[in-house]
Amino acid sequence: MKHRIPETLEVAVDIVAARIRAEAPMLTVCLDAPSAEDFSASVHHGLGRTYRNRWEMWSPESPLMIAAKRTHGLEHADDVSGLVIQAAAARIRQHPFDSHGYVTQCRRHWASLGRRMDGKP
């Protein structure tokens, strides 16, 4: 089944937040994580992988990846899915989400590996 790929990060956050709310009983343990970052890490291989694949985030031609690169300079699927999931978790918790801080963390991560934001040398 082909899924429509969001063209903006805001729409992606809306979709993921709605799914988390709908599946709250299953995700309660994850939502009880101390922070949005911890929540994101706990669902990286489940919910995160689902959306990375569903929204073709491994393709630079994905409308969502184009939007993420344009608005935040993010080019790696893990970074974009992390941003979407953390922003959705923050929204559900009614906490602010610092997208600039998140992008800064991503830049530091890739720099520590001697790589660019797209994960390439």
PDB file of N, CA and C in Angstrom:
ATOM      1  N   MET A   1       0.844  -1.180   0.000  1.00  0.00           N
ATOM      2  CA  MET A   1       0.000   0.000   0.000  1.00  0.00           C
ATOM      3  C   MET A   1       0.892   1.247   0.000  1.00  0.00           C
ATOM      4  N   LYS A   2       0.676   2.105  -0.935  1.00  0.00           N
ATOM      5  CA  LYS A   2       1.452   3.335  -1.063  1.00  0.00           C
ATOM      6  C   LYS A   2       0.862   4.406  -0.149  1.00  0.00           C
ATOM      7  N   HIS A   3       1.693   5.006   0.671  1.00  0.00           N
ATOM      8  CA  HIS A   3       1.251   6.060   1.585  1.00  0.00           C
ATOM      9  C   HIS A   3       1.668   7.412   1.035  1.00  0.00           C
ATOM     10  N   ARG A   4       0.824   8.394   1.248  1.00  0.00           N
ATOM     11  CA  ARG A   4       1.147   9.761   0.829  1.00  0.00           C
ATOM     12  C   ARG A   4       2.259  10.286   1.720  1.00  0.00           C
ATOM     13  N   ILE A   5       3.266  10.835   1.121  1.00  0.00           N
ATOM     14  CA  ILE A   5       4.407  11.367   1.863  1.00  0.00           C
ATOM     15  C   ILE A   5       4.137  12.829   2.190  1.00  0.00           C
ATOM     16  N   PRO A   6       4.239  13.199   3.465  1.00  0.00           N
ATOM     17  CA  PRO A   6       4.026  14.606   3.821  1.00  0.00           C
ATOM     18  C   PRO A   6       5.049  15.492   3.120  1.00  0.00           C
ATOM     19  N   GLU A   7       4.613  16.688   2.788  1.00  0.00           N
ATOM     20  CA  GLU A   7       5.514  17.627   2.117  1.00  0.00           C
ATOM     21  C   GLU A   7       6.115  18.639   3.071  1.00  0.00           C
ATOM     22  N   THR A   8       5.664  18.617   4.329  1.00  0.00           N
ATOM     23  CA  THR A   8       6.247  19.509   5.340  1.00  0.00           C
ATOM     24  C   THR A   8       6.475  18.725   6.622  1.00  0.00           C
ATOM     25  N   LEU A   9       7.406  19.211   7.421  1.00  0.00           N
ATOM     26  CA  LEU A   9       7.664  18.573   8.711  1.00  0.00           C
ATOM     27  C   LEU A   9       6.466  18.725   9.637  1.00  0.00           C
ATOM     28  N   GLU A  10       5.776  19.854   9.550  1.00  0.00           N
ATOM     29  CA  GLU A  10       4.606  20.090  10.410  1.00  0.00           C
ATOM     30  C   GLU A  10       3.524  19.038  10.170  1.00  0.00           C
ATOM     31  N   VAL A  11       3.270  18.722   8.924  1.00  0.00           N
ATOM     32  CA  VAL A  11       2.274  17.689   8.604  1.00  0.00           C
ATOM     33  C   VAL A  11       2.756  16.325   9.110  1.00  0.00           C
ATOM     34  N   ALA A  12       4.035  16.037   8.956  1.00  0.00           N
ATOM     35  CA  ALA A  12       4.589  14.772   9.449  1.00  0.00           C
ATOM     36  C   ALA A  12       4.423  14.670  10.963  1.00  0.00           C
ATOM     37  N   VAL A  13       4.694  15.767  11.669  1.00  0.00           N
ATOM     38  CA  VAL A  13       4.533  15.781  13.128  1.00  0.00           C
ATOM     39  C   VAL A  13       3.067  15.547  13.487  1.00  0.00           C
ATOM     40  N   ASP A  14       2.142  16.184  12.773  1.00  0.00           N
ATOM     41  CA  ASP A  14       0.709  15.973  13.013  1.00  0.00           C
ATOM     42  C   ASP A  14       0.345  14.494  12.892  1.00  0.00           C
ATOM     43  N   ILE A  15       0.823  13.850  11.838  1.00  0.00           N
ATOM     44  CA  ILE A  15       0.492  12.440  11.585  1.00  0.00           C
ATOM     45  C   ILE A  15       1.059  11.548  12.675  1.00  0.00           C
ATOM     46  N   VAL A  16       2.325  11.767  13.035  1.00  0.00           N
ATOM     47  CA  VAL A  16       2.957  10.927  14.054  1.00  0.00           C
ATOM     48  C   VAL A  16       2.322  11.172  15.424  1.00  0.00           C
ATOM     49  N   ALA A  17       2.035  12.415  15.760  1.00  0.00           N
ATOM     50  CA  ALA A  17       1.387  12.705  17.049  1.00  0.00           C
ATOM     51  C   ALA A  17       0.031  12.022  17.121  1.00  0.00           C
ATOM     52  N   ALA A  18      -0.726  12.036  16.033  1.00  0.00           N
ATOM     53  CA  ALA A  18      -2.034  11.370  16.014  1.00  0.00           C
ATOM     54  C   ALA A  18      -1.877   9.866  16.208  1.00  0.00           C
ATOM     55  N   ARG A  19      -0.864   9.286  15.579  1.00  0.00           N
ATOM     56  CA  ARG A  19      -0.650   7.843  15.746  1.00  0.00           C
ATOM     57  C   ARG A  19      -0.239   7.514  17.174  1.00  0.00           C
ATOM     58  N   ILE A  20       0.630   8.317  17.753  1.00  0.00           N
ATOM     59  CA  ILE A  20       1.052   8.064  19.133  1.00  0.00           C
ATOM     60  C   ILE A  20      -0.153   8.151  20.070  1.00  0.00           C
ATOM     61  N   ARG A  21      -0.979   9.168  19.867  1.00  0.00           N
ATOM     62  CA  ARG A  21      -2.181   9.300  20.704  1.00  0.00           C
ATOM     63  C   ARG A  21      -3.106   8.091  20.535  1.00  0.00           C
ATOM     64  N   ALA A  22      -3.281   7.641  19.296  1.00  0.00           N
ATOM     65  CA  ALA A  22      -4.169   6.509  19.017  1.00  0.00           C
ATOM     66  C   ALA A  22      -3.639   5.218  19.630  1.00  0.00           C
ATOM     67  N   GLU A  23      -2.322   5.099  19.700  1.00  0.00           N
ATOM     68  CA  GLU A  23      -1.714   3.884  20.231  1.00  0.00           C
ATOM     69  C   GLU A  23      -1.162   4.100  21.635  1.00  0.00           C
ATOM     70  N   ALA A  24      -1.678   5.105  22.318  1.00  0.00           N
ATOM     71  CA  ALA A  24      -1.158   5.469  23.642  1.00  0.00           C
ATOM     72  C   ALA A  24      -0.995   4.287  24.589  1.00  0.00           C
ATOM     73  N   PRO A  25      -1.956   3.350  24.673  1.00  0.00           N
ATOM     74  CA  PRO A  25      -1.742   2.240  25.601  1.00  0.00           C
ATOM     75  C   PRO A  25      -0.462   1.451  25.301  1.00  0.00           C
ATOM     76  N   MET A  26      -0.171   1.261  24.014  1.00  0.00           N
ATOM     77  CA  MET A  26       1.037   0.523  23.643  1.00  0.00           C
ATOM     78  C   MET A  26       2.299   1.357  23.850  1.00  0.00           C
ATOM     79  N   LEU A  27       2.172   2.658  23.734  1.00  0.00           N
ATOM     80  CA  LEU A  27       3.346   3.529  23.809  1.00  0.00           C
ATOM     81  C   LEU A  27       3.486   4.218  25.164  1.00  0.00           C
ATOM     82  N   THR A  28       2.637   3.868  26.127  1.00  0.00           N
ATOM     83  CA  THR A  28       2.660   4.531  27.429  1.00  0.00           C
ATOM     84  C   THR A  28       4.035   4.456  28.068  1.00  0.00           C
ATOM     85  N   VAL A  29       4.647   3.291  28.049  1.00  0.00           N
ATOM     86  CA  VAL A  29       5.966   3.137  28.662  1.00  0.00           C
ATOM     87  C   VAL A  29       6.958   4.078  27.997  1.00  0.00           C
ATOM     88  N   CYS A  30       6.899   4.170  26.677  1.00  0.00           N
ATOM     89  CA  CYS A  30       7.811   5.050  25.952  1.00  0.00           C
ATOM     90  C   CYS A  30       7.523   6.513  26.267  1.00  0.00           C
ATOM     91  N   LEU A  31       6.244   6.887  26.322  1.00  0.00           N
ATOM     92  CA  LEU A  31       5.901   8.279  26.617  1.00  0.00           C
ATOM     93  C   LEU A  31       6.294   8.680  28.032  1.00  0.00           C
ATOM     94  N   ASP A  32       6.434   7.688  28.918  1.00  0.00           N
ATOM     95  CA  ASP A  32       6.870   7.970  30.280  1.00  0.00           C
ATOM     96  C   ASP A  32       8.374   8.201  30.372  1.00  0.00           C
ATOM     97  N   ALA A  33       9.067   8.097  29.241  1.00  0.00           N
ATOM     98  CA  ALA A  33      10.503   8.366  29.225  1.00  0.00           C
ATOM     99  C   ALA A  33      10.741   9.789  29.709  1.00  0.00           C
ATOM    100  N   PRO A  34      11.889  10.026  30.333  1.00  0.00           N
ATOM    101  CA  PRO A  34      12.156  11.349  30.915  1.00  0.00           C
ATOM    102  C   PRO A  34      12.145  12.515  29.938  1.00  0.00           C
ATOM    103  N   SER A  35      12.405  12.254  28.668  1.00  0.00           N
ATOM    104  CA  SER A  35      12.479  13.361  27.706  1.00  0.00           C
ATOM    105  C   SER A  35      12.017  12.903  26.331  1.00  0.00           C
ATOM    106  N   ALA A  36      11.816  13.879  25.456  1.00  0.00           N
ATOM    107  CA  ALA A  36      11.458  13.564  24.069  1.00  0.00           C
ATOM    108  C   ALA A  36      12.582  12.776  23.403  1.00  0.00           C
ATOM    109  N   GLU A  37      13.829  13.072  23.778  1.00  0.00           N
ATOM    110  CA  GLU A  37      14.973  12.354  23.214  1.00  0.00           C
ATOM    111  C   GLU A  37      14.931  10.887  23.608  1.00  0.00           C
ATOM    112  N   ASP A  38      14.623  10.623  24.897  1.00  0.00           N
ATOM    113  CA  ASP A  38      14.539   9.241  25.362  1.00  0.00           C
ATOM    114  C   ASP A  38      13.387   8.507  24.678  1.00  0.00           C
ATOM    115  N   PHE A  39      12.262   9.204  24.499  1.00  0.00           N
ATOM    116  CA  PHE A  39      11.122   8.608  23.793  1.00  0.00           C
ATOM    117  C   PHE A  39      11.530   8.252  22.375  1.00  0.00           C
ATOM    118  N   SER A  40      12.171   9.197  21.697  1.00  0.00           N
ATOM    119  CA  SER A  40      12.599   8.976  20.318  1.00  0.00           C
ATOM    120  C   SER A  40      13.522   7.769  20.226  1.00  0.00           C
ATOM    121  N   ALA A  41      14.463   7.660  21.155  1.00  0.00           N
ATOM    122  CA  ALA A  41      15.393   6.518  21.149  1.00  0.00           C
ATOM    123  C   ALA A  41      14.645   5.210  21.369  1.00  0.00           C
ATOM    124  N   SER A  42      13.625   5.224  22.208  1.00  0.00           N
ATOM    125  CA  SER A  42      12.907   3.984  22.516  1.00  0.00           C
ATOM    126  C   SER A  42      12.026   3.506  21.370  1.00  0.00           C
ATOM    127  N   VAL A  43      11.663   4.382  20.451  1.00  0.00           N
ATOM    128  CA  VAL A  43      10.811   3.976  19.328  1.00  0.00           C
ATOM    129  C   VAL A  43      11.548   4.044  17.986  1.00  0.00           C
ATOM    130  N   HIS A  44      12.857   4.278  18.024  1.00  0.00           N
ATOM    131  CA  HIS A  44      13.643   4.440  16.795  1.00  0.00           C
ATOM    132  C   HIS A  44      13.487   3.254  15.845  1.00  0.00           C
ATOM    133  N   HIS A  45      13.572   2.040  16.387  1.00  0.00           N
ATOM    134  CA  HIS A  45      13.548   0.851  15.522  1.00  0.00           C
ATOM    135  C   HIS A  45      12.142   0.362  15.205  1.00  0.00           C
ATOM    136  N   GLY A  46      11.125   0.908  15.818  1.00  0.00           N
ATOM    137  CA  GLY A  46       9.747   0.518  15.531  1.00  0.00           C
ATOM    138  C   GLY A  46       9.027   1.607  14.767  1.00  0.00           C
ATOM    139  N   LEU A  47       8.486   2.549  15.512  1.00  0.00           N
ATOM    140  CA  LEU A  47       7.755   3.669  14.916  1.00  0.00           C
ATOM    141  C   LEU A  47       8.644   4.461  13.960  1.00  0.00           C
ATOM    142  N   GLY A  48       9.873   4.718  14.368  1.00  0.00           N
ATOM    143  CA  GLY A  48      10.792   5.479  13.515  1.00  0.00           C
ATOM    144  C   GLY A  48      11.055   4.786  12.191  1.00  0.00           C
ATOM    145  N   ARG A  49      11.344   3.482  12.241  1.00  0.00           N
ATOM    146  CA  ARG A  49      11.611   2.733  11.007  1.00  0.00           C
ATOM    147  C   ARG A  49      10.377   2.709  10.115  1.00  0.00           C
ATOM    148  N   THR A  50       9.211   2.545  10.733  1.00  0.00           N
ATOM    149  CA  THR A  50       7.977   2.529   9.955  1.00  0.00           C
ATOM    150  C   THR A  50       7.858   3.787   9.103  1.00  0.00           C
ATOM    151  N   TYR A  51       8.063   4.937   9.725  1.00  0.00           N
ATOM    152  CA  TYR A  51       7.913   6.189   8.974  1.00  0.00           C
ATOM    153  C   TYR A  51       9.094   6.471   8.056  1.00  0.00           C
ATOM    154  N   ARG A  52      10.301   6.077   8.430  1.00  0.00           N
ATOM    155  CA  ARG A  52      11.427   6.259   7.500  1.00  0.00           C
ATOM    156  C   ARG A  52      11.153   5.508   6.203  1.00  0.00           C
ATOM    157  N   ASN A  53      10.631   4.293   6.323  1.00  0.00           N
ATOM    158  CA  ASN A  53      10.340   3.500   5.126  1.00  0.00           C
ATOM    159  C   ASN A  53       9.074   3.984   4.417  1.00  0.00           C
ATOM    160  N   ARG A  54       8.006   4.197   5.171  1.00  0.00           N
ATOM    161  CA  ARG A  54       6.722   4.605   4.588  1.00  0.00           C
ATOM    162  C   ARG A  54       6.854   5.912   3.813  1.00  0.00           C
ATOM    163  N   TRP A  55       7.630   6.837   4.363  1.00  0.00           N
ATOM    164  CA  TRP A  55       7.768   8.150   3.733  1.00  0.00           C
ATOM    165  C   TRP A  55       9.032   8.264   2.887  1.00  0.00           C
ATOM    166  N   GLU A  56       9.634   7.109   2.587  1.00  0.00           N
ATOM    167  CA  GLU A  56      10.799   7.041   1.688  1.00  0.00           C
ATOM    168  C   GLU A  56      11.907   8.006   2.095  1.00  0.00           C
ATOM    169  N   MET A  57      12.173   8.062   3.380  1.00  0.00           N
ATOM    170  CA  MET A  57      13.175   9.007   3.873  1.00  0.00           C
ATOM    171  C   MET A  57      14.595   8.666   3.448  1.00  0.00           C
ATOM    172  N   TRP A  58      14.812   7.456   2.928  1.00  0.00           N
ATOM    173  CA  TRP A  58      16.160   7.115   2.466  1.00  0.00           C
ATOM    174  C   TRP A  58      16.415   7.684   1.080  1.00  0.00           C
ATOM    175  N   SER A  59      15.396   8.252   0.479  1.00  0.00           N
ATOM    176  CA  SER A  59      15.540   8.853  -0.851  1.00  0.00           C
ATOM    177  C   SER A  59      15.651  10.375  -0.727  1.00  0.00           C
ATOM    178  N   PRO A  60      16.688  10.964  -1.323  1.00  0.00           N
ATOM    179  CA  PRO A  60      16.793  12.427  -1.283  1.00  0.00           C
ATOM    180  C   PRO A  60      15.670  13.117  -2.049  1.00  0.00           C
ATOM    181  N   GLU A  61      14.927  12.353  -2.867  1.00  0.00           N
ATOM    182  CA  GLU A  61      13.805  12.923  -3.614  1.00  0.00           C
ATOM    183  C   GLU A  61      12.500  12.897  -2.816  1.00  0.00           C
ATOM    184  N   SER A  62      12.508  12.303  -1.636  1.00  0.00           N
ATOM    185  CA  SER A  62      11.305  12.278  -0.799  1.00  0.00           C
ATOM    186  C   SER A  62      10.899  13.719  -0.473  1.00  0.00           C
ATOM    187  N   PRO A  63       9.635  14.066  -0.684  1.00  0.00           N
ATOM    188  CA  PRO A  63       9.201  15.443  -0.371  1.00  0.00           C
ATOM    189  C   PRO A  63       9.520  15.856   1.065  1.00  0.00           C
ATOM    190  N   LEU A  64       9.426  14.913   1.991  1.00  0.00           N
ATOM    191  CA  LEU A  64       9.733  15.235   3.388  1.00  0.00           C
ATOM    192  C   LEU A  64      11.224  15.507   3.573  1.00  0.00           C
ATOM    193  N   MET A  65      12.068  14.730   2.912  1.00  0.00           N
ATOM    194  CA  MET A  65      13.514  14.958   3.017  1.00  0.00           C
ATOM    195  C   MET A  65      13.901  16.283   2.366  1.00  0.00           C
ATOM    196  N   ILE A  66      13.252  16.631   1.278  1.00  0.00           N
ATOM    197  CA  ILE A  66      13.508  17.918   0.634  1.00  0.00           C
ATOM    198  C   ILE A  66      13.136  19.051   1.584  1.00  0.00           C
ATOM    199  N   ALA A  67      11.990  18.914   2.239  1.00  0.00           N
ATOM    200  CA  ALA A  67      11.553  19.946   3.199  1.00  0.00           C
ATOM    201  C   ALA A  67      12.510  20.032   4.383  1.00  0.00           C
ATOM    202  N   ALA A  68      12.973  18.884   4.889  1.00  0.00           N
ATOM    203  CA  ALA A  68      13.885  18.874   6.040  1.00  0.00           C
ATOM    204  C   ALA A  68      15.224  19.521   5.686  1.00  0.00           C
ATOM    205  N   LYS A  69      15.703  19.256   4.492  1.00  0.00           N
ATOM    206  CA  LYS A  69      16.964  19.867   4.058  1.00  0.00           C
ATOM    207  C   LYS A  69      16.793  21.377   3.890  1.00  0.00           C
ATOM    208  N   ARG A  70      15.679  21.775   3.288  1.00  0.00           N
ATOM    209  CA  ARG A  70      15.428  23.198   3.043  1.00  0.00           C
ATOM    210  C   ARG A  70      15.253  23.976   4.350  1.00  0.00           C
ATOM    211  N   THR A  71      14.495  23.427   5.293  1.00  0.00           N
ATOM    212  CA  THR A  71      14.175  24.181   6.508  1.00  0.00           C
ATOM    213  C   THR A  71      15.191  24.019   7.629  1.00  0.00           C
ATOM    214  N   HIS A  72      15.872  22.848   7.684  1.00  0.00           N
ATOM    215  CA  HIS A  72      16.782  22.596   8.813  1.00  0.00           C
ATOM    216  C   HIS A  72      18.173  22.126   8.405  1.00  0.00           C
ATOM    217  N   GLY A  73      18.382  21.877   7.137  1.00  0.00           N
ATOM    218  CA  GLY A  73      19.681  21.384   6.692  1.00  0.00           C
ATOM    219  C   GLY A  73      19.899  19.907   6.996  1.00  0.00           C
ATOM    220  N   LEU A  74      18.829  19.192   7.372  1.00  0.00           N
ATOM    221  CA  LEU A  74      18.949  17.769   7.686  1.00  0.00           C
ATOM    222  C   LEU A  74      18.860  16.940   6.415  1.00  0.00           C
ATOM    223  N   GLU A  75      19.765  15.963   6.306  1.00  0.00           N
ATOM    224  CA  GLU A  75      19.784  15.134   5.106  1.00  0.00           C
ATOM    225  C   GLU A  75      19.754  13.647   5.401  1.00  0.00           C
ATOM    226  N   HIS A  76      19.884  13.255   6.659  1.00  0.00           N
ATOM    227  CA  HIS A  76      19.914  11.834   7.006  1.00  0.00           C
ATOM    228  C   HIS A  76      18.552  11.409   7.550  1.00  0.00           C
ATOM    229  N   ALA A  77      18.068  10.272   7.078  1.00  0.00           N
ATOM    230  CA  ALA A  77      16.730   9.794   7.453  1.00  0.00           C
ATOM    231  C   ALA A  77      16.568   9.643   8.965  1.00  0.00           C
ATOM    232  N   ASP A  78      17.593   9.160   9.650  1.00  0.00           N
ATOM    233  CA  ASP A  78      17.497   9.008  11.109  1.00  0.00           C
ATOM    234  C   ASP A  78      17.313  10.357  11.796  1.00  0.00           C
ATOM    235  N   ASP A  79      18.014  11.367  11.300  1.00  0.00           N
ATOM    236  CA  ASP A  79      17.891  12.707  11.889  1.00  0.00           C
ATOM    237  C   ASP A  79      16.488  13.266  11.681  1.00  0.00           C
ATOM    238  N   VAL A  80      15.956  13.086  10.489  1.00  0.00           N
ATOM    239  CA  VAL A  80      14.630  13.636  10.181  1.00  0.00           C
ATOM    240  C   VAL A  80      13.554  12.893  10.966  1.00  0.00           C
ATOM    241  N   SER A  81      13.635  11.568  11.008  1.00  0.00           N
ATOM    242  CA  SER A  81      12.621  10.832  11.773  1.00  0.00           C
ATOM    243  C   SER A  81      12.727  11.168  13.253  1.00  0.00           C
ATOM    244  N   GLY A  82      13.941  11.364  13.748  1.00  0.00           N
ATOM    245  CA  GLY A  82      14.116  11.766  15.143  1.00  0.00           C
ATOM    246  C   GLY A  82      13.493  13.112  15.424  1.00  0.00           C
ATOM    247  N   LEU A  83      13.683  14.054  14.512  1.00  0.00           N
ATOM    248  CA  LEU A  83      13.076  15.380  14.681  1.00  0.00           C
ATOM    249  C   LEU A  83      11.557  15.274  14.721  1.00  0.00           C
ATOM    250  N   VAL A  84      10.980  14.516  13.797  1.00  0.00           N
ATOM    251  CA  VAL A  84       9.523  14.378  13.724  1.00  0.00           C
ATOM    252  C   VAL A  84       8.991  13.713  15.000  1.00  0.00           C
ATOM    253  N   ILE A  85       9.629  12.634  15.421  1.00  0.00           N
ATOM    254  CA  ILE A  85       9.158  11.901  16.602  1.00  0.00           C
ATOM    255  C   ILE A  85       9.322  12.737  17.871  1.00  0.00           C
ATOM    256  N   GLN A  86      10.464  13.404  18.016  1.00  0.00           N
ATOM    257  CA  GLN A  86      10.664  14.231  19.213  1.00  0.00           C
ATOM    258  C   GLN A  86       9.694  15.402  19.247  1.00  0.00           C
ATOM    259  N   ALA A  87       9.449  16.013  18.098  1.00  0.00           N
ATOM    260  CA  ALA A  87       8.491  17.123  18.054  1.00  0.00           C
ATOM    261  C   ALA A  87       7.083  16.630  18.373  1.00  0.00           C
ATOM    262  N   ALA A  88       6.716  15.447  17.884  1.00  0.00           N
ATOM    263  CA  ALA A  88       5.394  14.873  18.180  1.00  0.00           C
ATOM    264  C   ALA A  88       5.269  14.562  19.666  1.00  0.00           C
ATOM    265  N   ALA A  89       6.301  13.974  20.251  1.00  0.00           N
ATOM    266  CA  ALA A  89       6.270  13.644  21.680  1.00  0.00           C
ATOM    267  C   ALA A  89       6.174  14.913  22.520  1.00  0.00           C
ATOM    268  N   ALA A  90       6.916  15.937  22.141  1.00  0.00           N
ATOM    269  CA  ALA A  90       6.857  17.211  22.875  1.00  0.00           C
ATOM    270  C   ALA A  90       5.457  17.811  22.769  1.00  0.00           C
ATOM    271  N   ARG A  91       4.859  17.733  21.595  1.00  0.00           N
ATOM    272  CA  ARG A  91       3.512  18.275  21.409  1.00  0.00           C
ATOM    273  C   ARG A  91       2.511  17.546  22.307  1.00  0.00           C
ATOM    274  N   ILE A  92       2.584  16.235  22.335  1.00  0.00           N
ATOM    275  CA  ILE A  92       1.673  15.447  23.163  1.00  0.00           C
ATOM    276  C   ILE A  92       1.847  15.795  24.638  1.00  0.00           C
ATOM    277  N   ARG A  93       3.095  15.983  25.056  1.00  0.00           N
ATOM    278  CA  ARG A  93       3.379  16.327  26.452  1.00  0.00           C
ATOM    279  C   ARG A  93       3.101  17.802  26.750  1.00  0.00           C
ATOM    280  N   GLN A  94       2.774  18.542  25.703  1.00  0.00           N
ATOM    281  CA  GLN A  94       2.555  19.989  25.797  1.00  0.00           C
ATOM    282  C   GLN A  94       3.812  20.699  26.307  1.00  0.00           C
ATOM    283  N   HIS A  95       4.944  20.258  25.764  1.00  0.00           N
ATOM    284  CA  HIS A  95       6.238  20.864  26.054  1.00  0.00           C
ATOM    285  C   HIS A  95       6.741  21.550  24.793  1.00  0.00           C
ATOM    286  N   PRO A  96       7.543  22.565  24.935  1.00  0.00           N
ATOM    287  CA  PRO A  96       8.131  23.183  23.736  1.00  0.00           C
ATOM    288  C   PRO A  96       9.159  22.233  23.106  1.00  0.00           C
ATOM    289  N   PHE A  97       9.347  22.363  21.825  1.00  0.00           N
ATOM    290  CA  PHE A  97      10.360  21.580  21.131  1.00  0.00           C
ATOM    291  C   PHE A  97      11.346  22.536  20.487  1.00  0.00           C
ATOM    292  N   ASP A  98      12.610  22.361  20.785  1.00  0.00           N
ATOM    293  CA  ASP A  98      13.675  23.221  20.279  1.00  0.00           C
ATOM    294  C   ASP A  98      14.295  22.585  19.039  1.00  0.00           C
ATOM    295  N   SER A  99      13.739  22.874  17.874  1.00  0.00           N
ATOM    296  CA  SER A  99      14.256  22.262  16.652  1.00  0.00           C
ATOM    297  C   SER A  99      15.687  22.714  16.368  1.00  0.00           C
ATOM    298  N   HIS A 100      16.016  23.958  16.699  1.00  0.00           N
ATOM    299  CA  HIS A 100      17.386  24.443  16.494  1.00  0.00           C
ATOM    300  C   HIS A 100      18.362  23.632  17.354  1.00  0.00           C
ATOM    301  N   GLY A 101      17.991  23.399  18.594  1.00  0.00           N
ATOM    302  CA  GLY A 101      18.837  22.592  19.485  1.00  0.00           C
ATOM    303  C   GLY A 101      19.002  21.174  18.963  1.00  0.00           C
ATOM    304  N   TYR A 102      17.922  20.612  18.424  1.00  0.00           N
ATOM    305  CA  TYR A 102      17.989  19.262  17.868  1.00  0.00           C
ATOM    306  C   TYR A 102      18.955  19.224  16.683  1.00  0.00           C
ATOM    307  N   VAL A 103      18.834  20.189  15.793  1.00  0.00           N
ATOM    308  CA  VAL A 103      19.714  20.232  14.622  1.00  0.00           C
ATOM    309  C   VAL A 103      21.167  20.413  15.059  1.00  0.00           C
ATOM    310  N   THR A 104      21.395  21.224  16.069  1.00  0.00           N
ATOM    311  CA  THR A 104      22.748  21.407  16.602  1.00  0.00           C
ATOM    312  C   THR A 104      23.307  20.079  17.100  1.00  0.00           C
ATOM    313  N   GLN A 105      22.492  19.290  17.788  1.00  0.00           N
ATOM    314  CA  GLN A 105      22.927  17.960  18.249  1.00  0.00           C
ATOM    315  C   GLN A 105      23.292  17.070  17.067  1.00  0.00           C
ATOM    316  N   CYS A 106      22.488  17.124  16.024  1.00  0.00           N
ATOM    317  CA  CYS A 106      22.775  16.322  14.834  1.00  0.00           C
ATOM    318  C   CYS A 106      24.104  16.747  14.214  1.00  0.00           C
ATOM    319  N   ARG A 107      24.316  18.051  14.098  1.00  0.00           N
ATOM    320  CA  ARG A 107      25.582  18.548  13.525  1.00  0.00           C
ATOM    321  C   ARG A 107      26.779  18.070  14.353  1.00  0.00           C
ATOM    322  N   ARG A 108      26.658  18.157  15.666  1.00  0.00           N
ATOM    323  CA  ARG A 108      27.746  17.700  16.550  1.00  0.00           C
ATOM    324  C   ARG A 108      27.998  16.208  16.389  1.00  0.00           C
ATOM    325  N   HIS A 109      26.922  15.442  16.297  1.00  0.00           N
ATOM    326  CA  HIS A 109      27.062  13.997  16.126  1.00  0.00           C
ATOM    327  C   HIS A 109      27.857  13.687  14.865  1.00  0.00           C
ATOM    328  N   TRP A 110      27.432  14.257  13.738  1.00  0.00           N
ATOM    329  CA  TRP A 110      28.113  13.949  12.481  1.00  0.00           C
ATOM    330  C   TRP A 110      29.542  14.483  12.484  1.00  0.00           C
ATOM    331  N   ALA A 111      29.756  15.656  13.065  1.00  0.00           N
ATOM    332  CA  ALA A 111      31.114  16.209  13.138  1.00  0.00           C
ATOM    333  C   ALA A 111      32.024  15.310  13.978  1.00  0.00           C
ATOM    334  N   SER A 112      31.484  14.731  15.056  1.00  0.00           N
ATOM    335  CA  SER A 112      32.296  13.855  15.906  1.00  0.00           C
ATOM    336  C   SER A 112      32.736  12.597  15.160  1.00  0.00           C
ATOM    337  N   LEU A 113      32.011  12.254  14.107  1.00  0.00           N
ATOM    338  CA  LEU A 113      32.357  11.100  13.279  1.00  0.00           C
ATOM    339  C   LEU A 113      33.162  11.504  12.049  1.00  0.00           C
ATOM    340  N   GLY A 114      33.437  12.816  11.939  1.00  0.00           N
ATOM    341  CA  GLY A 114      34.169  13.317  10.782  1.00  0.00           C
ATOM    342  C   GLY A 114      33.343  13.249   9.508  1.00  0.00           C
ATOM    343  N   ARG A 115      32.032  13.391   9.666  1.00  0.00           N
ATOM    344  CA  ARG A 115      31.135  13.281   8.517  1.00  0.00           C
ATOM    345  C   ARG A 115      30.290  14.532   8.364  1.00  0.00           C
ATOM    346  N   ARG A 116      29.686  14.642   7.172  1.00  0.00           N
ATOM    347  CA  ARG A 116      28.768  15.742   6.899  1.00  0.00           C
ATOM    348  C   ARG A 116      27.390  15.403   7.461  1.00  0.00           C
ATOM    349  N   MET A 117      26.461  16.339   7.366  1.00  0.00           N
ATOM    350  CA  MET A 117      25.104  16.135   7.884  1.00  0.00           C
ATOM    351  C   MET A 117      24.377  15.001   7.181  1.00  0.00           C
ATOM    352  N   ASP A 118      24.785  14.636   5.973  1.00  0.00           N
ATOM    353  CA  ASP A 118      24.128  13.530   5.276  1.00  0.00           C
ATOM    354  C   ASP A 118      24.738  12.188   5.657  1.00  0.00           C
ATOM    355  N   GLY A 119      25.710  12.214   6.586  1.00  0.00           N
ATOM    356  CA  GLY A 119      26.343  10.990   7.054  1.00  0.00           C
ATOM    357  C   GLY A 119      27.490  10.518   6.192  1.00  0.00           C
ATOM    358  N   LYS A 120      27.796  11.257   5.122  1.00  0.00           N
ATOM    359  CA  LYS A 120      28.888  10.867   4.213  1.00  0.00           C
ATOM    360  C   LYS A 120      30.184  11.519   4.650  1.00  0.00           C
ATOM    361  N   PRO A 121      31.324  10.849   4.310  1.00  0.00           N
ATOM    362  CA  PRO A 121      32.644  11.418   4.688  1.00  0.00           C
ATOM    363  C   PRO A 121      32.904  12.755   4.000  1.00  0.00           C
TER     364      PRO A 121
END
